[in-house]
Amino acid sequence: MPKSLHSKRHLMIAAALAEQRRLKGMSQAQVAKAFGRYQPFIANIESGERRIDLVELLDIAAIIDLDVEALLRRLRQLPSMD
């Protein structure tokens, strides 16, 4: 079984966060500040270097207006083992 940190699903989450942040017109630093963290925290999530837990995902999604339900539907279309 692959490590989930580098799975297709994890990379999809990271890419969705980065894409939506850009679409929202926010920098990593702006998202980090709204989240109460520093910019490298967001950079590490977006680059796939750091896992994001569900609570963090929901909180960051609220900041950048990411539709988590739509993201979950896309994630469910991928095989669970990659």
N, C-alpha and C. Protein backbone atom coordinates (compact mmCIF):
# COMPACT_ATOMS: atom_id res chain seq x y z
N MET A 1 0.85 -1.17 0.00
CA MET A 1 0.00 0.00 0.00
C MET A 1 0.90 1.24 0.00
N PRO A 2 0.61 2.23 -0.88
CA PRO A 2 1.44 3.43 -0.93
C PRO A 2 1.17 4.32 0.28
N LYS A 3 2.14 5.15 0.59
CA LYS A 3 1.93 6.12 1.65
C LYS A 3 0.92 7.15 1.16
N SER A 4 -0.07 7.48 1.99
CA SER A 4 -1.11 8.40 1.56
C SER A 4 -0.59 9.81 1.33
N LEU A 5 0.57 10.16 1.90
CA LEU A 5 1.13 11.48 1.70
C LEU A 5 1.42 11.74 0.22
N HIS A 6 1.74 10.70 -0.52
CA HIS A 6 2.05 10.88 -1.93
C HIS A 6 1.06 10.15 -2.84
N SER A 7 -0.10 9.83 -2.33
CA SER A 7 -1.10 9.15 -3.15
C SER A 7 -1.74 10.14 -4.12
N LYS A 8 -2.38 9.61 -5.14
CA LYS A 8 -3.08 10.46 -6.10
C LYS A 8 -4.16 11.27 -5.41
N ARG A 9 -4.82 10.67 -4.44
CA ARG A 9 -5.87 11.39 -3.71
C ARG A 9 -5.30 12.56 -2.93
N HIS A 10 -4.18 12.33 -2.25
CA HIS A 10 -3.58 13.41 -1.48
C HIS A 10 -3.11 14.53 -2.40
N LEU A 11 -2.51 14.17 -3.50
CA LEU A 11 -2.05 15.17 -4.46
C LEU A 11 -3.22 15.94 -5.06
N MET A 12 -4.35 15.28 -5.24
CA MET A 12 -5.54 15.95 -5.76
C MET A 12 -6.05 16.99 -4.76
N ILE A 13 -6.01 16.65 -3.48
CA ILE A 13 -6.43 17.61 -2.45
C ILE A 13 -5.51 18.83 -2.47
N ALA A 14 -4.21 18.58 -2.50
CA ALA A 14 -3.23 19.67 -2.52
C ALA A 14 -3.44 20.57 -3.73
N ALA A 15 -3.65 19.96 -4.89
CA ALA A 15 -3.84 20.73 -6.13
C ALA A 15 -5.14 21.53 -6.08
N ALA A 16 -6.19 20.94 -5.53
CA ALA A 16 -7.48 21.63 -5.43
C ALA A 16 -7.37 22.85 -4.52
N LEU A 17 -6.65 22.70 -3.42
CA LEU A 17 -6.46 23.83 -2.50
C LEU A 17 -5.68 24.96 -3.19
N ALA A 18 -4.60 24.61 -3.86
CA ALA A 18 -3.78 25.62 -4.54
C ALA A 18 -4.57 26.31 -5.64
N GLU A 19 -5.29 25.53 -6.44
CA GLU A 19 -6.06 26.10 -7.55
C GLU A 19 -7.14 27.05 -7.04
N GLN A 20 -7.88 26.62 -6.02
CA GLN A 20 -8.96 27.46 -5.51
C GLN A 20 -8.41 28.71 -4.83
N ARG A 21 -7.29 28.59 -4.15
CA ARG A 21 -6.65 29.76 -3.54
C ARG A 21 -6.31 30.79 -4.61
N ARG A 22 -5.74 30.32 -5.71
CA ARG A 22 -5.39 31.23 -6.80
C ARG A 22 -6.64 31.85 -7.42
N LEU A 23 -7.67 31.02 -7.64
CA LEU A 23 -8.92 31.53 -8.21
C LEU A 23 -9.55 32.59 -7.30
N LYS A 24 -9.38 32.42 -6.02
CA LYS A 24 -9.90 33.38 -5.03
C LYS A 24 -9.03 34.64 -5.01
N GLY A 25 -7.86 34.60 -5.64
CA GLY A 25 -6.97 35.74 -5.70
C GLY A 25 -6.20 35.97 -4.42
N MET A 26 -5.97 34.89 -3.68
CA MET A 26 -5.27 34.99 -2.40
C MET A 26 -3.87 34.39 -2.51
N SER A 27 -2.94 34.98 -1.78
CA SER A 27 -1.60 34.42 -1.69
C SER A 27 -1.58 33.36 -0.59
N GLN A 28 -0.53 32.56 -0.59
CA GLN A 28 -0.37 31.59 0.50
C GLN A 28 -0.28 32.32 1.83
N ALA A 29 0.39 33.46 1.85
CA ALA A 29 0.55 34.23 3.08
C ALA A 29 -0.81 34.74 3.59
N GLN A 30 -1.67 35.16 2.68
CA GLN A 30 -2.99 35.63 3.10
C GLN A 30 -3.83 34.50 3.70
N VAL A 31 -3.78 33.34 3.06
CA VAL A 31 -4.52 32.19 3.58
C VAL A 31 -3.95 31.79 4.94
N ALA A 32 -2.65 31.75 5.03
CA ALA A 32 -2.01 31.37 6.28
C ALA A 32 -2.39 32.33 7.41
N LYS A 33 -2.38 33.60 7.13
CA LYS A 33 -2.73 34.60 8.15
C LYS A 33 -4.18 34.40 8.60
N ALA A 34 -5.09 34.19 7.66
CA ALA A 34 -6.50 33.96 8.00
C ALA A 34 -6.67 32.68 8.81
N PHE A 35 -5.78 31.74 8.59
CA PHE A 35 -5.82 30.44 9.28
C PHE A 35 -5.05 30.46 10.60
N GLY A 36 -4.28 31.53 10.82
CA GLY A 36 -3.51 31.64 12.05
C GLY A 36 -2.19 30.89 12.02
N ARG A 37 -1.63 30.72 10.83
CA ARG A 37 -0.35 30.05 10.64
C ARG A 37 0.55 30.92 9.79
N TYR A 38 1.75 30.39 9.50
CA TYR A 38 2.69 31.08 8.64
C TYR A 38 2.62 30.50 7.23
N GLN A 39 3.10 31.26 6.26
CA GLN A 39 3.03 30.89 4.84
C GLN A 39 3.61 29.51 4.54
N PRO A 40 4.75 29.11 5.12
CA PRO A 40 5.28 27.78 4.80
C PRO A 40 4.32 26.64 5.12
N PHE A 41 3.44 26.83 6.09
CA PHE A 41 2.44 25.82 6.42
C PHE A 41 1.55 25.54 5.21
N ILE A 42 1.07 26.59 4.57
CA ILE A 42 0.23 26.44 3.38
C ILE A 42 1.05 25.91 2.21
N ALA A 43 2.25 26.42 2.05
CA ALA A 43 3.13 25.96 0.96
C ALA A 43 3.39 24.46 1.08
N ASN A 44 3.63 23.99 2.28
CA ASN A 44 3.90 22.56 2.48
C ASN A 44 2.68 21.70 2.18
N ILE A 45 1.51 22.19 2.48
CA ILE A 45 0.29 21.45 2.13
C ILE A 45 0.13 21.39 0.62
N GLU A 46 0.24 22.55 -0.02
CA GLU A 46 0.04 22.63 -1.47
C GLU A 46 1.09 21.86 -2.26
N SER A 47 2.28 21.74 -1.71
CA SER A 47 3.34 21.01 -2.42
C SER A 47 3.28 19.51 -2.15
N GLY A 48 2.41 19.09 -1.23
CA GLY A 48 2.31 17.68 -0.89
C GLY A 48 3.30 17.23 0.16
N GLU A 49 4.02 18.16 0.75
CA GLU A 49 5.00 17.82 1.77
C GLU A 49 4.38 17.61 3.15
N ARG A 50 3.17 18.12 3.34
CA ARG A 50 2.50 18.01 4.62
C ARG A 50 1.09 17.49 4.43
N ARG A 51 0.71 16.56 5.29
CA ARG A 51 -0.66 16.07 5.29
C ARG A 51 -1.58 17.15 5.84
N ILE A 52 -2.81 17.09 5.42
CA ILE A 52 -3.82 17.99 5.96
C ILE A 52 -4.92 17.12 6.57
N ASP A 53 -5.31 17.43 7.79
CA ASP A 53 -6.38 16.63 8.39
C ASP A 53 -7.74 17.23 8.00
N LEU A 54 -8.79 16.53 8.34
CA LEU A 54 -10.12 16.93 7.91
C LEU A 54 -10.51 18.29 8.46
N VAL A 55 -10.21 18.55 9.71
CA VAL A 55 -10.57 19.84 10.32
C VAL A 55 -9.81 20.97 9.62
N GLU A 56 -8.53 20.77 9.36
CA GLU A 56 -7.75 21.78 8.64
C GLU A 56 -8.31 21.99 7.24
N LEU A 57 -8.67 20.91 6.57
CA LEU A 57 -9.24 21.01 5.23
C LEU A 57 -10.51 21.85 5.25
N LEU A 58 -11.39 21.57 6.20
CA LEU A 58 -12.64 22.32 6.29
C LEU A 58 -12.40 23.79 6.59
N ASP A 59 -11.46 24.08 7.48
CA ASP A 59 -11.16 25.47 7.84
C ASP A 59 -10.53 26.23 6.67
N ILE A 60 -9.58 25.62 6.01
CA ILE A 60 -8.94 26.29 4.87
C ILE A 60 -9.94 26.42 3.72
N ALA A 61 -10.75 25.40 3.51
CA ALA A 61 -11.77 25.45 2.45
C ALA A 61 -12.72 26.63 2.68
N ALA A 62 -13.08 26.88 3.93
CA ALA A 62 -13.95 28.01 4.23
C ALA A 62 -13.28 29.34 3.88
N ILE A 63 -12.00 29.43 4.10
CA ILE A 63 -11.25 30.66 3.81
C ILE A 63 -11.20 30.93 2.31
N ILE A 64 -11.03 29.87 1.52
CA ILE A 64 -10.86 30.05 0.06
C ILE A 64 -12.11 29.69 -0.74
N ASP A 65 -13.20 29.40 -0.04
CA ASP A 65 -14.47 29.04 -0.70
C ASP A 65 -14.35 27.79 -1.58
N LEU A 66 -13.68 26.79 -1.06
CA LEU A 66 -13.56 25.51 -1.76
C LEU A 66 -14.76 24.64 -1.45
N ASP A 67 -15.39 24.07 -2.45
CA ASP A 67 -16.51 23.16 -2.28
C ASP A 67 -15.98 21.78 -1.91
N VAL A 68 -15.94 21.49 -0.62
CA VAL A 68 -15.37 20.23 -0.13
C VAL A 68 -16.18 19.04 -0.62
N GLU A 69 -17.49 19.18 -0.69
CA GLU A 69 -18.32 18.07 -1.16
C GLU A 69 -17.99 17.70 -2.60
N ALA A 70 -17.78 18.69 -3.44
CA ALA A 70 -17.40 18.42 -4.84
C ALA A 70 -16.02 17.76 -4.90
N LEU A 71 -15.12 18.22 -4.06
CA LEU A 71 -13.79 17.61 -4.00
C LEU A 71 -13.89 16.15 -3.57
N LEU A 72 -14.71 15.86 -2.58
CA LEU A 72 -14.88 14.48 -2.13
C LEU A 72 -15.46 13.60 -3.23
N ARG A 73 -16.39 14.14 -4.00
CA ARG A 73 -16.95 13.35 -5.12
C ARG A 73 -15.85 12.99 -6.12
N ARG A 74 -14.97 13.95 -6.41
CA ARG A 74 -13.86 13.68 -7.34
C ARG A 74 -12.89 12.66 -6.75
N LEU A 75 -12.63 12.78 -5.46
CA LEU A 75 -11.72 11.84 -4.80
C LEU A 75 -12.27 10.42 -4.82
N ARG A 76 -13.56 10.28 -4.66
CA ARG A 76 -14.19 8.95 -4.65
C ARG A 76 -14.11 8.27 -6.01
N GLN A 77 -13.89 9.03 -7.06
CA GLN A 77 -13.78 8.44 -8.40
C GLN A 77 -12.42 7.79 -8.63
N LEU A 78 -11.44 8.14 -7.80
CA LEU A 78 -10.12 7.53 -7.93
C LEU A 78 -10.07 6.20 -7.18
N PRO A 79 -9.29 5.28 -7.65
CA PRO A 79 -9.13 4.02 -6.90
C PRO A 79 -8.52 4.31 -5.53
N SER A 80 -8.93 3.55 -4.54
CA SER A 80 -8.42 3.79 -3.18
C SER A 80 -6.97 3.37 -3.05
N MET A 81 -6.50 2.47 -3.86
CA MET A 81 -5.11 2.04 -3.84
C MET A 81 -4.45 2.51 -5.12
N ASP A 82 -3.43 3.32 -4.99
CA ASP A 82 -2.72 3.76 -6.20
C ASP A 82 -1.28 3.66 -5.92
